[in-house]
Amino acid sequence: MCASSFKLPDLTYDYGALEPVISSEIMTLHHSKHHNTYVTNLNAAMEKLEEATAKGDVAGIVALQQAIKFNGIVYLFVKKIILLNAYTVWHVFPRGRPPKPLHLLAEPCPRRQRRR
């Protein structure tokens, strides 16, 4: 087992806090499944790295670098997004709720005219 394992940060707000802009079902799926996959993959790669290092398997160590780099960067990004969303929910939206309707997201974006 890897000496230091990474953990998916808990949200500081309810999955439904961003409704109607983002549904609680999407937030649940995105946080508990999608983001958790990166954390799981990072922990697995770190455990394999520890094993490869103990065996002196240089090729194995090199092969794991991409998985560690990719999943590690996403892990850090997820932590920042969770903090940014928490700030938005509690400090930007009135009373912790998004405005209804959030007209910029509720309406389709206008199509740009092509230059001739």
Protein backbone atom coordinates (compact mmCIF):
# COMPACT_ATOMS: atom_id res chain seq x y z
CA MET A 1 0.00 0.00 0.00
CA CYS A 2 1.27 3.45 -0.90
CA ALA A 3 2.49 5.47 2.08
CA SER A 4 0.50 8.53 1.05
CA SER A 5 -2.82 8.03 -0.67
CA PHE A 6 -4.92 10.78 -2.18
CA LYS A 7 -8.54 11.33 -1.19
CA LEU A 8 -11.38 12.93 -3.14
CA PRO A 9 -12.17 16.18 -1.33
CA ASP A 10 -15.67 16.43 0.10
CA LEU A 11 -17.85 19.19 -1.27
CA THR A 12 -18.54 21.99 1.19
CA TYR A 13 -22.02 22.40 -0.25
CA ASP A 14 -24.94 20.18 -1.18
CA TYR A 15 -25.05 18.54 -4.62
CA GLY A 16 -28.21 20.55 -5.30
CA ALA A 17 -26.69 23.93 -4.39
CA LEU A 18 -26.07 24.92 -8.01
CA GLU A 19 -29.57 24.09 -9.26
CA PRO A 20 -31.15 25.05 -11.63
CA VAL A 21 -27.88 25.76 -13.46
CA ILE A 22 -26.35 22.36 -12.66
CA SER A 23 -28.65 19.57 -11.46
CA SER A 24 -27.92 17.61 -8.30
CA GLU A 25 -27.82 14.40 -10.39
CA ILE A 26 -25.06 15.84 -12.59
CA MET A 27 -23.12 17.10 -9.56
CA THR A 28 -23.44 13.70 -7.84
CA LEU A 29 -22.30 11.83 -10.93
CA HIS A 30 -19.50 14.27 -11.71
CA HIS A 31 -18.08 14.38 -8.19
CA SER A 32 -18.59 10.83 -6.92
CA LYS A 33 -17.85 8.97 -10.17
CA HIS A 34 -15.93 11.15 -12.63
CA HIS A 35 -13.63 13.01 -10.21
CA ASN A 36 -13.23 9.93 -8.04
CA THR A 37 -11.89 7.98 -11.05
CA TYR A 38 -8.88 10.31 -11.28
CA VAL A 39 -8.17 9.91 -7.56
CA THR A 40 -8.45 6.12 -7.83
CA ASN A 41 -6.16 6.06 -10.87
CA LEU A 42 -3.61 8.32 -9.17
CA ASN A 43 -3.52 6.11 -6.08
CA ALA A 44 -3.15 2.97 -8.24
CA ALA A 45 -0.30 4.53 -10.23
CA MET A 46 1.46 5.66 -7.05
CA GLU A 47 1.15 2.15 -5.58
CA LYS A 48 2.60 0.63 -8.77
CA LEU A 49 5.40 3.22 -8.67
CA GLU A 50 6.27 2.19 -5.13
CA GLU A 51 6.40 -1.47 -6.21
CA ALA A 52 8.49 -0.69 -9.31
CA THR A 53 10.88 1.39 -7.22
CA ALA A 54 11.29 -1.40 -4.66
CA LYS A 55 12.11 -3.85 -7.50
CA GLY A 56 14.48 -1.41 -9.21
CA ASP A 57 12.30 -1.58 -12.35
CA VAL A 58 13.44 1.57 -14.18
CA ALA A 59 11.29 0.85 -17.26
CA GLY A 60 8.23 0.45 -15.02
CA ILE A 61 9.01 3.70 -13.21
CA VAL A 62 9.32 5.58 -16.49
CA ALA A 63 6.12 4.00 -17.86
CA LEU A 64 4.13 5.18 -14.83
CA GLN A 65 5.18 8.83 -15.12
CA GLN A 66 2.45 9.76 -17.64
CA ALA A 67 -0.36 8.27 -15.53
CA ILE A 68 0.95 9.99 -12.40
CA LYS A 69 1.37 13.32 -14.17
CA PHE A 70 -2.06 13.24 -15.84
CA ASN A 71 -4.07 12.02 -12.85
CA GLY A 72 -2.09 14.21 -10.44
CA ILE A 73 -2.77 17.36 -12.46
CA VAL A 74 -6.48 16.52 -12.71
CA TYR A 75 -6.55 15.81 -8.96
CA LEU A 76 -5.13 19.27 -8.23
CA PHE A 77 -7.53 20.84 -10.74
CA VAL A 78 -10.51 19.10 -9.09
CA LYS A 79 -9.48 20.46 -5.70
CA LYS A 80 -9.34 24.00 -7.12
CA ILE A 81 -12.72 23.63 -8.87
CA ILE A 82 -14.35 22.42 -5.64
CA LEU A 83 -12.97 25.47 -3.84
CA LEU A 84 -14.06 27.82 -6.63
CA ASN A 85 -17.58 26.36 -6.69
CA ALA A 86 -17.80 26.64 -2.90
CA TYR A 87 -16.75 30.29 -3.07
CA THR A 88 -19.32 30.94 -5.80
CA VAL A 89 -22.14 29.23 -3.90
CA TRP A 90 -21.49 31.00 -0.60
CA HIS A 91 -20.12 34.40 -1.64
CA VAL A 92 -21.37 35.25 -5.13
CA PHE A 93 -24.90 33.83 -5.32
CA PRO A 94 -27.38 35.56 -3.02
CA ARG A 95 -28.16 33.37 0.02
CA GLY A 96 -26.05 30.57 -1.46
CA ARG A 97 -28.42 30.03 -4.39
CA PRO A 98 -27.91 30.86 -8.08
CA PRO A 99 -30.20 33.56 -9.48
CA LYS A 100 -33.31 32.29 -11.25
CA PRO A 101 -33.19 32.30 -14.19
CA LEU A 102 -29.52 32.61 -14.89
CA HIS A 103 -30.24 34.26 -18.22
CA LEU A 104 -26.74 33.92 -19.65
CA LEU A 105 -26.91 30.13 -19.40
CA ALA A 106 -30.66 29.70 -19.80
CA GLU A 107 -30.72 31.14 -23.34
CA PRO A 108 -28.84 29.73 -26.31
CA CYS A 109 -25.75 31.63 -27.36
CA PRO A 110 -26.29 33.81 -30.43
CA ARG A 111 -24.60 32.56 -33.59
CA ARG A 112 -21.75 34.64 -34.87
CA GLN A 113 -22.02 36.02 -38.36
CA ARG A 114 -19.31 34.70 -40.64
CA ARG A 115 -17.05 37.30 -42.14
CA ARG A 116 -17.09 37.47 -45.89
